[in-house]
Amino acid sequence: MTQEFRGIVDLPSEIFLMIYQHLNQTDRIRLSVACKRMHELCLDPGLWTEFIIDCMALHQFSPQILSFATRMCEVESVKVTNKYMVKVSEQSIAELLLKFQTSLIKLEFSDEVEVTTRFIDKLRKMDKLESLELPGLSLTKTGYSSLSKLTRLQKLRIPSCTGSSEELINLLGNWNNLKLLDISDMEKGAVNTKVLSAVTKNNPNLESLIIDESDRVNNGCCKAISENCPNLLELSMYGCDGVTESGIVNLVKKCQKLRLLSLGNLRMLSCRAIKCIAELVDLEYLDV
């Protein structure tokens, strides 16, 4: 006599896991409270390669979240948000992230999450990180030193951070495999020709560079970028008033593979420069 099929709870575990893979994190958590079996299936580490945590949840349910994280041994990507502007200790965030230390490849913080140099020092233990986003940091020399230990980084976003050009050079000089770099809207004067010469020489395979609102970016910077990174695919220089027609023309002639180019709010943009840009056959996005 065949067993009566009672509904979704009788589906094989393999089918359940396939369904879970198509759900977002919130829906997985909701489904996990339906019954004991779904709860156990939800804890399969293979389902949790990506993890999003808000500071409000960490503030209210820290022990439960840490217990859950202990079982998640395959998490590769974590995003930390703070939608409700809740104060959470850096120790709590660090304790959670260190649970994923052996597998974490990508780490992203929203700009509402406040972290300090002391927290950055803990990140140096995550030596498998390939992608890091930390906007609005108040970095000290010690913080830059700690970041430099993450030698596997390929993507780094640190917009609106504090720091001098010397600290940036010391930091960026430690990497030679960067594919994406965002150092836009940094402290006044931090991003200049010396910084961009250093980073482009060390990282000739750089594909995406974002240096918006940098008051010291000029034609010399364009020359360094074009000479050292001719295969650049994306470049954003919004609001870089120090760049003139000759700098843009020189850059565009050498970086023929550009697919994205942002030159918004540049006062010295001329018809000649626009004509050169129009010859970029792979260009998909242009902001002028």
C-alpha atoms as a PDB file:
ATOM      1  CA  MET A   1       0.000   0.000   0.000  1.00  0.00           C
ATOM      2  CA  THR A   2       1.481   3.308  -1.084  1.00  0.00           C
ATOM      3  CA  GLN A   3       1.886   6.104   1.467  1.00  0.00           C
ATOM      4  CA  GLU A   4      -0.551   8.988   1.034  1.00  0.00           C
ATOM      5  CA  PHE A   5       1.060  12.175  -0.272  1.00  0.00           C
ATOM      6  CA  ARG A   6       0.098  14.924   2.195  1.00  0.00           C
ATOM      7  CA  GLY A   7       1.489  17.912   0.331  1.00  0.00           C
ATOM      8  CA  ILE A   8       4.674  19.944   0.065  1.00  0.00           C
ATOM      9  CA  VAL A   9       6.135  18.645   3.344  1.00  0.00           C
ATOM     10  CA  ASP A  10       6.396  15.166   1.799  1.00  0.00           C
ATOM     11  CA  LEU A  11       8.589  16.270  -1.076  1.00  0.00           C
ATOM     12  CA  PRO A  12      12.089  14.729  -1.164  1.00  0.00           C
ATOM     13  CA  SER A  13      14.828  16.795   0.480  1.00  0.00           C
ATOM     14  CA  GLU A  14      16.589  17.245  -2.864  1.00  0.00           C
ATOM     15  CA  ILE A  15      13.490  18.984  -4.268  1.00  0.00           C
ATOM     16  CA  PHE A  16      13.209  21.207  -1.217  1.00  0.00           C
ATOM     17  CA  LEU A  17      16.839  22.306  -1.575  1.00  0.00           C
ATOM     18  CA  MET A  18      16.284  23.140  -5.249  1.00  0.00           C
ATOM     19  CA  ILE A  19      13.293  25.298  -4.252  1.00  0.00           C
ATOM     20  CA  TYR A  20      15.300  27.010  -1.483  1.00  0.00           C
ATOM     21  CA  GLN A  21      18.018  27.954  -3.974  1.00  0.00           C
ATOM     22  CA  HIS A  22      15.515  30.105  -5.874  1.00  0.00           C
ATOM     23  CA  LEU A  23      14.334  31.980  -2.777  1.00  0.00           C
ATOM     24  CA  ASN A  24      15.871  35.118  -1.321  1.00  0.00           C
ATOM     25  CA  GLN A  25      17.220  35.203   2.218  1.00  0.00           C
ATOM     26  CA  THR A  26      14.047  36.631   3.781  1.00  0.00           C
ATOM     27  CA  ASP A  27      11.790  33.993   2.204  1.00  0.00           C
ATOM     28  CA  ARG A  28      14.107  31.176   3.284  1.00  0.00           C
ATOM     29  CA  ILE A  29      13.954  32.349   6.878  1.00  0.00           C
ATOM     30  CA  ARG A  30      10.158  32.626   6.750  1.00  0.00           C
ATOM     31  CA  LEU A  31       9.811  29.129   5.309  1.00  0.00           C
ATOM     32  CA  SER A  32      12.185  27.700   7.893  1.00  0.00           C
ATOM     33  CA  VAL A  33       9.695  28.333  10.703  1.00  0.00           C
ATOM     34  CA  ALA A  34       6.934  26.328   8.996  1.00  0.00           C
ATOM     35  CA  CYS A  35       8.000  23.033  10.549  1.00  0.00           C
ATOM     36  CA  LYS A  36      11.008  21.221  12.000  1.00  0.00           C
ATOM     37  CA  ARG A  37      11.932  19.528   8.728  1.00  0.00           C
ATOM     38  CA  MET A  38      11.978  22.781   6.765  1.00  0.00           C
ATOM     39  CA  HIS A  39      14.027  24.377   9.512  1.00  0.00           C
ATOM     40  CA  GLU A  40      16.685  21.665   9.267  1.00  0.00           C
ATOM     41  CA  LEU A  41      16.761  21.862   5.474  1.00  0.00           C
ATOM     42  CA  CYS A  42      17.110  25.638   5.643  1.00  0.00           C
ATOM     43  CA  LEU A  43      20.338  25.203   7.588  1.00  0.00           C
ATOM     44  CA  ASP A  44      22.050  23.400   4.694  1.00  0.00           C
ATOM     45  CA  PRO A  45      25.358  25.330   4.304  1.00  0.00           C
ATOM     46  CA  GLY A  46      25.163  25.118   0.515  1.00  0.00           C
ATOM     47  CA  LEU A  47      22.158  27.462   0.534  1.00  0.00           C
ATOM     48  CA  TRP A  48      24.049  30.212   2.312  1.00  0.00           C
ATOM     49  CA  THR A  49      26.854  31.365   0.056  1.00  0.00           C
ATOM     50  CA  GLU A  50      25.495  34.928   0.326  1.00  0.00           C
ATOM     51  CA  PHE A  51      24.429  36.562   3.587  1.00  0.00           C
ATOM     52  CA  ILE A  52      22.827  39.970   4.263  1.00  0.00           C
ATOM     53  CA  ILE A  53      22.624  41.204   7.845  1.00  0.00           C
ATOM     54  CA  ASP A  54      21.171  44.449   9.158  1.00  0.00           C
ATOM     55  CA  CYS A  55      22.457  46.009  12.365  1.00  0.00           C
ATOM     56  CA  MET A  56      18.930  46.021  13.805  1.00  0.00           C
ATOM     57  CA  ALA A  57      18.763  42.214  13.588  1.00  0.00           C
ATOM     58  CA  LEU A  58      22.251  41.900  15.023  1.00  0.00           C
ATOM     59  CA  HIS A  59      21.298  44.203  17.889  1.00  0.00           C
ATOM     60  CA  GLN A  60      18.142  42.244  18.751  1.00  0.00           C
ATOM     61  CA  PHE A  61      19.152  38.657  17.998  1.00  0.00           C
ATOM     62  CA  SER A  62      22.937  38.538  18.267  1.00  0.00           C
ATOM     63  CA  PRO A  63      23.213  35.137  20.086  1.00  0.00           C
ATOM     64  CA  GLN A  64      20.833  33.427  17.647  1.00  0.00           C
ATOM     65  CA  ILE A  65      22.559  34.903  14.587  1.00  0.00           C
ATOM     66  CA  LEU A  66      26.008  33.917  15.846  1.00  0.00           C
ATOM     67  CA  SER A  67      24.760  30.395  16.525  1.00  0.00           C
ATOM     68  CA  PHE A  68      23.311  30.221  13.013  1.00  0.00           C
ATOM     69  CA  ALA A  69      26.533  31.589  11.480  1.00  0.00           C
ATOM     70  CA  THR A  70      28.593  28.872  13.177  1.00  0.00           C
ATOM     71  CA  ARG A  71      26.889  26.307  10.940  1.00  0.00           C
ATOM     72  CA  MET A  72      27.350  28.322   7.743  1.00  0.00           C
ATOM     73  CA  CYS A  73      30.762  27.180   6.504  1.00  0.00           C
ATOM     74  CA  GLU A  74      30.371  28.132   2.819  1.00  0.00           C
ATOM     75  CA  VAL A  75      29.456  31.829   3.038  1.00  0.00           C
ATOM     76  CA  GLU A  76      31.377  33.699   0.333  1.00  0.00           C
ATOM     77  CA  SER A  77      29.599  37.064   0.299  1.00  0.00           C
ATOM     78  CA  VAL A  78      28.367  39.245   3.203  1.00  0.00           C
ATOM     79  CA  LYS A  79      26.632  42.616   3.116  1.00  0.00           C
ATOM     80  CA  VAL A  80      26.185  44.598   6.342  1.00  0.00           C
ATOM     81  CA  THR A  81      23.459  47.261   6.339  1.00  0.00           C
ATOM     82  CA  ASN A  82      22.009  49.655   8.903  1.00  0.00           C
ATOM     83  CA  LYS A  83      18.590  50.740   7.594  1.00  0.00           C
ATOM     84  CA  TYR A  84      17.366  51.953  10.980  1.00  0.00           C
ATOM     85  CA  MET A  85      20.596  53.664  12.072  1.00  0.00           C
ATOM     86  CA  VAL A  86      20.992  51.421  15.113  1.00  0.00           C
ATOM     87  CA  LYS A  87      24.122  51.583  17.245  1.00  0.00           C
ATOM     88  CA  VAL A  88      25.836  48.182  17.238  1.00  0.00           C
ATOM     89  CA  SER A  89      29.230  47.459  18.724  1.00  0.00           C
ATOM     90  CA  GLU A  90      32.032  46.788  16.258  1.00  0.00           C
ATOM     91  CA  GLN A  91      32.869  43.736  18.336  1.00  0.00           C
ATOM     92  CA  SER A  92      29.479  42.172  17.478  1.00  0.00           C
ATOM     93  CA  ILE A  93      29.963  42.767  13.748  1.00  0.00           C
ATOM     94  CA  ALA A  94      33.541  41.485  13.861  1.00  0.00           C
ATOM     95  CA  GLU A  95      32.529  38.392  15.817  1.00  0.00           C
ATOM     96  CA  LEU A  96      29.942  37.549  13.160  1.00  0.00           C
ATOM     97  CA  LEU A  97      32.274  38.123  10.212  1.00  0.00           C
ATOM     98  CA  LEU A  98      35.033  36.026  11.746  1.00  0.00           C
ATOM     99  CA  LYS A  99      32.634  33.070  11.653  1.00  0.00           C
ATOM    100  CA  PHE A 100      33.042  33.206   7.856  1.00  0.00           C
ATOM    101  CA  GLN A 101      36.781  33.820   7.935  1.00  0.00           C
ATOM    102  CA  THR A 102      37.777  30.668   6.012  1.00  0.00           C
ATOM    103  CA  SER A 103      35.306  31.138   3.149  1.00  0.00           C
ATOM    104  CA  LEU A 104      34.541  34.858   2.832  1.00  0.00           C
ATOM    105  CA  ILE A 105      35.514  36.372  -0.526  1.00  0.00           C
ATOM    106  CA  LYS A 106      33.298  39.471  -0.758  1.00  0.00           C
ATOM    107  CA  LEU A 107      32.476  41.934   2.045  1.00  0.00           C
ATOM    108  CA  GLU A 108      30.313  45.026   1.637  1.00  0.00           C
ATOM    109  CA  PHE A 109      29.243  47.675   4.157  1.00  0.00           C
ATOM    110  CA  SER A 110      26.536  50.238   3.492  1.00  0.00           C
ATOM    111  CA  ASP A 111      27.572  53.814   4.260  1.00  0.00           C
ATOM    112  CA  GLU A 112      25.298  53.906   7.354  1.00  0.00           C
ATOM    113  CA  VAL A 113      27.481  51.339   9.139  1.00  0.00           C
ATOM    114  CA  GLU A 114      30.108  53.043  11.282  1.00  0.00           C
ATOM    115  CA  VAL A 115      33.445  51.273  11.552  1.00  0.00           C
ATOM    116  CA  THR A 116      36.784  52.496  12.857  1.00  0.00           C
ATOM    117  CA  THR A 117      40.448  51.645  12.494  1.00  0.00           C
ATOM    118  CA  ARG A 118      40.132  49.191  15.382  1.00  0.00           C
ATOM    119  CA  PHE A 119      37.589  47.216  13.363  1.00  0.00           C
ATOM    120  CA  ILE A 120      39.720  47.329  10.204  1.00  0.00           C
ATOM    121  CA  ASP A 121      42.526  45.726  12.186  1.00  0.00           C
ATOM    122  CA  LYS A 122      40.299  42.675  12.682  1.00  0.00           C
ATOM    123  CA  LEU A 123      39.680  42.412   8.941  1.00  0.00           C
ATOM    124  CA  ARG A 124      43.319  41.553   8.300  1.00  0.00           C
ATOM    125  CA  LYS A 125      42.508  38.002   9.440  1.00  0.00           C
ATOM    126  CA  MET A 126      40.215  37.552   6.423  1.00  0.00           C
ATOM    127  CA  ASP A 127      43.041  36.855   4.039  1.00  0.00           C
ATOM    128  CA  LYS A 128      40.794  35.293   1.368  1.00  0.00           C
ATOM    129  CA  LEU A 129      38.914  38.517   0.672  1.00  0.00           C
ATOM    130  CA  GLU A 130      38.881  39.481  -2.997  1.00  0.00           C
ATOM    131  CA  SER A 131      36.270  42.248  -2.866  1.00  0.00           C
ATOM    132  CA  LEU A 132      35.834  44.905  -0.162  1.00  0.00           C
ATOM    133  CA  GLU A 133      33.518  47.923   0.049  1.00  0.00           C
ATOM    134  CA  LEU A 134      33.949  50.343   2.972  1.00  0.00           C
ATOM    135  CA  PRO A 135      32.500  53.796   2.202  1.00  0.00           C
ATOM    136  CA  GLY A 136      33.025  56.828   4.406  1.00  0.00           C
ATOM    137  CA  LEU A 137      35.792  55.461   6.619  1.00  0.00           C
ATOM    138  CA  SER A 138      37.820  57.616   8.971  1.00  0.00           C
ATOM    139  CA  LEU A 139      41.074  55.799   8.407  1.00  0.00           C
ATOM    140  CA  THR A 140      44.330  56.366  10.245  1.00  0.00           C
ATOM    141  CA  LYS A 141      47.784  55.224   9.215  1.00  0.00           C
ATOM    142  CA  THR A 142      47.225  52.042  11.240  1.00  0.00           C
ATOM    143  CA  GLY A 143      43.967  51.399   9.380  1.00  0.00           C
ATOM    144  CA  TYR A 144      45.662  51.728   6.005  1.00  0.00           C
ATOM    145  CA  SER A 145      48.378  49.363   7.203  1.00  0.00           C
ATOM    146  CA  SER A 146      45.770  46.767   8.201  1.00  0.00           C
ATOM    147  CA  LEU A 147      44.013  47.039   4.837  1.00  0.00           C
ATOM    148  CA  SER A 148      47.298  46.463   3.034  1.00  0.00           C
ATOM    149  CA  LYS A 149      47.467  42.956   4.544  1.00  0.00           C
ATOM    150  CA  LEU A 150      44.543  41.872   2.362  1.00  0.00           C
ATOM    151  CA  THR A 151      46.826  40.947  -0.511  1.00  0.00           C
ATOM    152  CA  ARG A 152      44.230  38.988  -2.519  1.00  0.00           C
ATOM    153  CA  LEU A 153      41.966  41.977  -3.122  1.00  0.00           C
ATOM    154  CA  GLN A 154      40.801  42.457  -6.691  1.00  0.00           C
ATOM    155  CA  LYS A 155      38.002  44.940  -6.019  1.00  0.00           C
ATOM    156  CA  LEU A 156      38.284  47.792  -3.529  1.00  0.00           C
ATOM    157  CA  ARG A 157      35.728  50.530  -2.906  1.00  0.00           C
ATOM    158  CA  ILE A 158      36.636  53.131  -0.272  1.00  0.00           C
ATOM    159  CA  PRO A 159      34.813  56.300  -1.428  1.00  0.00           C
ATOM    160  CA  SER A 160      34.625  59.338   0.854  1.00  0.00           C
ATOM    161  CA  CYS A 161      37.365  58.028   3.146  1.00  0.00           C
ATOM    162  CA  THR A 162      39.925  60.109   4.964  1.00  0.00           C
ATOM    163  CA  GLY A 163      43.624  59.774   4.253  1.00  0.00           C
ATOM    164  CA  SER A 164      46.580  61.465   2.593  1.00  0.00           C
ATOM    165  CA  SER A 165      48.099  60.767  -0.819  1.00  0.00           C
ATOM    166  CA  GLU A 166      51.122  59.211   0.917  1.00  0.00           C
ATOM    167  CA  GLU A 167      48.885  56.765   2.796  1.00  0.00           C
ATOM    168  CA  LEU A 168      47.059  55.892  -0.420  1.00  0.00           C
ATOM    169  CA  ILE A 169      50.332  55.222  -2.232  1.00  0.00           C
ATOM    170  CA  ASN A 170      51.553  52.978   0.590  1.00  0.00           C
ATOM    171  CA  LEU A 171      48.245  51.115   0.568  1.00  0.00           C
ATOM    172  CA  LEU A 172      47.787  50.672  -3.166  1.00  0.00           C
ATOM    173  CA  GLY A 173      51.433  49.773  -3.653  1.00  0.00           C
ATOM    174  CA  ASN A 174      50.774  46.436  -1.950  1.00  0.00           C
ATOM    175  CA  TRP A 175      48.472  45.129  -4.675  1.00  0.00           C
ATOM    176  CA  ASN A 176      49.148  44.183  -8.270  1.00  0.00           C
ATOM    177  CA  ASN A 177      45.943  42.379  -9.205  1.00  0.00           C
ATOM    178  CA  LEU A 178      43.258  45.037  -8.767  1.00  0.00           C
ATOM    179  CA  LYS A 179      40.429  44.896 -11.290  1.00  0.00           C
ATOM    180  CA  LEU A 180      38.239  47.617  -9.739  1.00  0.00           C
ATOM    181  CA  LEU A 181      39.167  50.633  -7.604  1.00  0.00           C
ATOM    182  CA  ASP A 182      36.870  53.321  -6.225  1.00  0.00           C
ATOM    183  CA  ILE A 183      38.684  56.162  -4.461  1.00  0.00           C
ATOM    184  CA  SER A 184      36.167  58.876  -5.286  1.00  0.00           C
ATOM    185  CA  ASP A 185      35.424  61.900  -3.120  1.00  0.00           C
ATOM    186  CA  MET A 186      38.430  61.267  -0.881  1.00  0.00           C
ATOM    187  CA  GLU A 187      39.934  63.831   1.461  1.00  0.00           C
ATOM    188  CA  LYS A 188      40.954  67.011  -0.348  1.00  0.00           C
ATOM    189  CA  GLY A 189      44.094  66.534  -2.453  1.00  0.00           C
ATOM    190  CA  ALA A 190      44.476  62.839  -1.636  1.00  0.00           C
ATOM    191  CA  VAL A 191      43.985  61.550  -5.186  1.00  0.00           C
ATOM    192  CA  ASN A 192      46.609  63.053  -7.471  1.00  0.00           C
ATOM    193  CA  THR A 193      49.079  62.159 -10.231  1.00  0.00           C
ATOM    194  CA  LYS A 194      51.480  60.349  -7.861  1.00  0.00           C
ATOM    195  CA  VAL A 195      48.697  58.164  -6.480  1.00  0.00           C
ATOM    196  CA  LEU A 196      47.258  57.279  -9.874  1.00  0.00           C
ATOM    197  CA  SER A 197      50.725  56.660 -11.359  1.00  0.00           C
ATOM    198  CA  ALA A 198      51.490  54.228  -8.528  1.00  0.00           C
ATOM    199  CA  VAL A 199      48.222  52.315  -8.702  1.00  0.00           C
ATOM    200  CA  THR A 200      48.115  52.049 -12.503  1.00  0.00           C
ATOM    201  CA  LYS A 201      51.748  50.931 -12.771  1.00  0.00           C
ATOM    202  CA  ASN A 202      51.186  48.227 -10.170  1.00  0.00           C
ATOM    203  CA  ASN A 203      47.853  47.168 -11.663  1.00  0.00           C
ATOM    204  CA  PRO A 204      48.094  47.244 -15.472  1.00  0.00           C
ATOM    205  CA  ASN A 205      45.050  44.948 -15.755  1.00  0.00           C
ATOM    206  CA  LEU A 206      42.774  47.403 -13.959  1.00  0.00           C
ATOM    207  CA  GLU A 207      39.330  47.317 -15.596  1.00  0.00           C
ATOM    208  CA  SER A 208      37.305  49.863 -13.635  1.00  0.00           C
ATOM    209  CA  LEU A 209      38.514  53.104 -12.006  1.00  0.00           C
ATOM    210  CA  ILE A 210      36.284  55.574 -10.138  1.00  0.00           C
ATOM    211  CA  ILE A 211      37.854  58.870  -9.057  1.00  0.00           C
ATOM    212  CA  ASP A 212      34.835  61.211  -8.967  1.00  0.00           C
ATOM    213  CA  GLU A 213      35.018  64.600  -7.227  1.00  0.00           C
ATOM    214  CA  SER A 214      38.821  64.559  -6.941  1.00  0.00           C
ATOM    215  CA  ASP A 215      40.127  68.125  -7.013  1.00  0.00           C
ATOM    216  CA  ARG A 216      43.741  67.190  -7.864  1.00  0.00           C
ATOM    217  CA  VAL A 217      42.957  64.947 -10.832  1.00  0.00           C
ATOM    218  CA  ASN A 218      44.392  66.621 -13.931  1.00  0.00           C
ATOM    219  CA  ASN A 219      45.845  65.881 -17.358  1.00  0.00           C
ATOM    220  CA  GLY A 220      48.882  64.240 -15.769  1.00  0.00           C
ATOM    221  CA  CYS A 221      46.538  61.753 -14.128  1.00  0.00           C
ATOM    222  CA  CYS A 222      44.910  61.027 -17.495  1.00  0.00           C
ATOM    223  CA  LYS A 223      48.342  60.398 -18.987  1.00  0.00           C
ATOM    224  CA  ALA A 224      49.274  57.960 -16.210  1.00  0.00           C
ATOM    225  CA  ILE A 225      45.988  56.077 -16.629  1.00  0.00           C
ATOM    226  CA  SER A 226      46.219  55.842 -20.413  1.00  0.00           C
ATOM    227  CA  GLU A 227      49.879  54.783 -20.474  1.00  0.00           C
ATOM    228  CA  ASN A 228      49.649  52.148 -17.776  1.00  0.00           C
ATOM    229  CA  CYS A 229      46.095  50.799 -18.249  1.00  0.00           C
ATOM    230  CA  PRO A 230      45.282  50.845 -21.980  1.00  0.00           C
ATOM    231  CA  ASN A 231      42.758  48.001 -21.498  1.00  0.00           C
ATOM    232  CA  LEU A 232      40.630  49.959 -19.035  1.00  0.00           C
ATOM    233  CA  LEU A 233      36.907  49.271 -19.526  1.00  0.00           C
ATOM    234  CA  GLU A 234      35.267  51.757 -17.152  1.00  0.00           C
ATOM    235  CA  LEU A 235      36.405  55.198 -16.030  1.00  0.00           C
ATOM    236  CA  SER A 236      34.454  57.708 -13.959  1.00  0.00           C
ATOM    237  CA  MET A 237      35.884  61.208 -13.432  1.00  0.00           C
ATOM    238  CA  TYR A 238      32.714  63.109 -12.590  1.00  0.00           C
ATOM    239  CA  GLY A 239      33.492  66.567 -11.239  1.00  0.00           C
ATOM    240  CA  CYS A 240      37.262  66.397 -11.846  1.00  0.00           C
ATOM    241  CA  ASP A 241      37.637  70.023 -12.935  1.00  0.00           C
ATOM    242  CA  GLY A 242      41.409  69.822 -13.371  1.00  0.00           C
ATOM    243  CA  VAL A 243      41.040  67.737 -16.539  1.00  0.00           C
ATOM    244  CA  THR A 244      41.018  69.658 -19.818  1.00  0.00           C
ATOM    245  CA  GLU A 245      40.513  68.841 -23.494  1.00  0.00           C
ATOM    246  CA  SER A 246      44.054  67.570 -24.137  1.00  0.00           C
ATOM    247  CA  GLY A 247      43.913  65.191 -21.191  1.00  0.00           C
ATOM    248  CA  ILE A 248      40.646  63.639 -22.353  1.00  0.00           C
ATOM    249  CA  VAL A 249      41.775  63.356 -25.966  1.00  0.00           C
ATOM    250  CA  ASN A 250      45.038  61.693 -24.958  1.00  0.00           C
ATOM    251  CA  LEU A 251      43.236  59.266 -22.656  1.00  0.00           C
ATOM    252  CA  VAL A 252      40.528  58.300 -25.148  1.00  0.00           C
ATOM    253  CA  LYS A 253      43.029  57.681 -27.955  1.00  0.00           C
ATOM    254  CA  LYS A 254      44.954  55.170 -25.847  1.00  0.00           C
ATOM    255  CA  CYS A 255      42.085  53.549 -23.926  1.00  0.00           C
ATOM    256  CA  GLN A 256      40.146  52.317 -26.935  1.00  0.00           C
ATOM    257  CA  LYS A 257      38.317  49.547 -25.054  1.00  0.00           C
ATOM    258  CA  LEU A 258      36.329  51.861 -22.804  1.00  0.00           C
ATOM    259  CA  ARG A 259      32.706  50.768 -22.354  1.00  0.00           C
ATOM    260  CA  LEU A 260      31.761  53.326 -19.677  1.00  0.00           C
ATOM    261  CA  LEU A 261      32.987  56.887 -19.429  1.00  0.00           C
ATOM    262  CA  SER A 262      31.703  59.473 -16.962  1.00  0.00           C
ATOM    263  CA  LEU A 263      32.907  63.054 -17.458  1.00  0.00           C
ATOM    264  CA  GLY A 264      29.930  64.877 -15.982  1.00  0.00           C
ATOM    265  CA  ASN A 265      30.427  68.399 -14.626  1.00  0.00           C
ATOM    266  CA  LEU A 266      33.750  68.909 -16.433  1.00  0.00           C
ATOM    267  CA  ARG A 267      33.830  72.543 -17.497  1.00  0.00           C
ATOM    268  CA  MET A 268      36.622  72.155 -20.059  1.00  0.00           C
ATOM    269  CA  LEU A 269      34.913  69.516 -22.203  1.00  0.00           C
ATOM    270  CA  SER A 270      35.191  70.588 -25.848  1.00  0.00           C
ATOM    271  CA  CYS A 271      33.773  69.550 -29.215  1.00  0.00           C
ATOM    272  CA  ARG A 272      37.151  68.031 -30.121  1.00  0.00           C
ATOM    273  CA  ALA A 273      37.065  65.839 -27.033  1.00  0.00           C
ATOM    274  CA  ILE A 274      33.487  64.746 -27.778  1.00  0.00           C
ATOM    275  CA  LYS A 275      34.503  63.883 -31.338  1.00  0.00           C
ATOM    276  CA  CYS A 276      37.292  61.619 -30.049  1.00  0.00           C
ATOM    277  CA  ILE A 277      34.918  59.971 -27.568  1.00  0.00           C
ATOM    278  CA  ALA A 278      32.487  59.264 -30.425  1.00  0.00           C
ATOM    279  CA  GLU A 279      35.138  57.050 -32.025  1.00  0.00           C
ATOM    280  CA  LEU A 280      35.097  54.600 -29.103  1.00  0.00           C
ATOM    281  CA  VAL A 281      33.379  51.663 -30.809  1.00  0.00           C
ATOM    282  CA  ASP A 282      32.749  49.680 -27.587  1.00  0.00           C
ATOM    283  CA  LEU A 283      31.318  52.582 -25.586  1.00  0.00           C
ATOM    284  CA  GLU A 284      27.954  51.678 -24.000  1.00  0.00           C
ATOM    285  CA  TYR A 285      27.515  54.491 -21.457  1.00  0.00           C
ATOM    286  CA  LEU A 286      28.604  58.114 -21.590  1.00  0.00           C
ATOM    287  CA  ASP A 287      27.938  60.879 -19.056  1.00  0.00           C
ATOM    288  CA  VAL A 288      28.972  64.387 -20.053  1.00  0.00           C
END
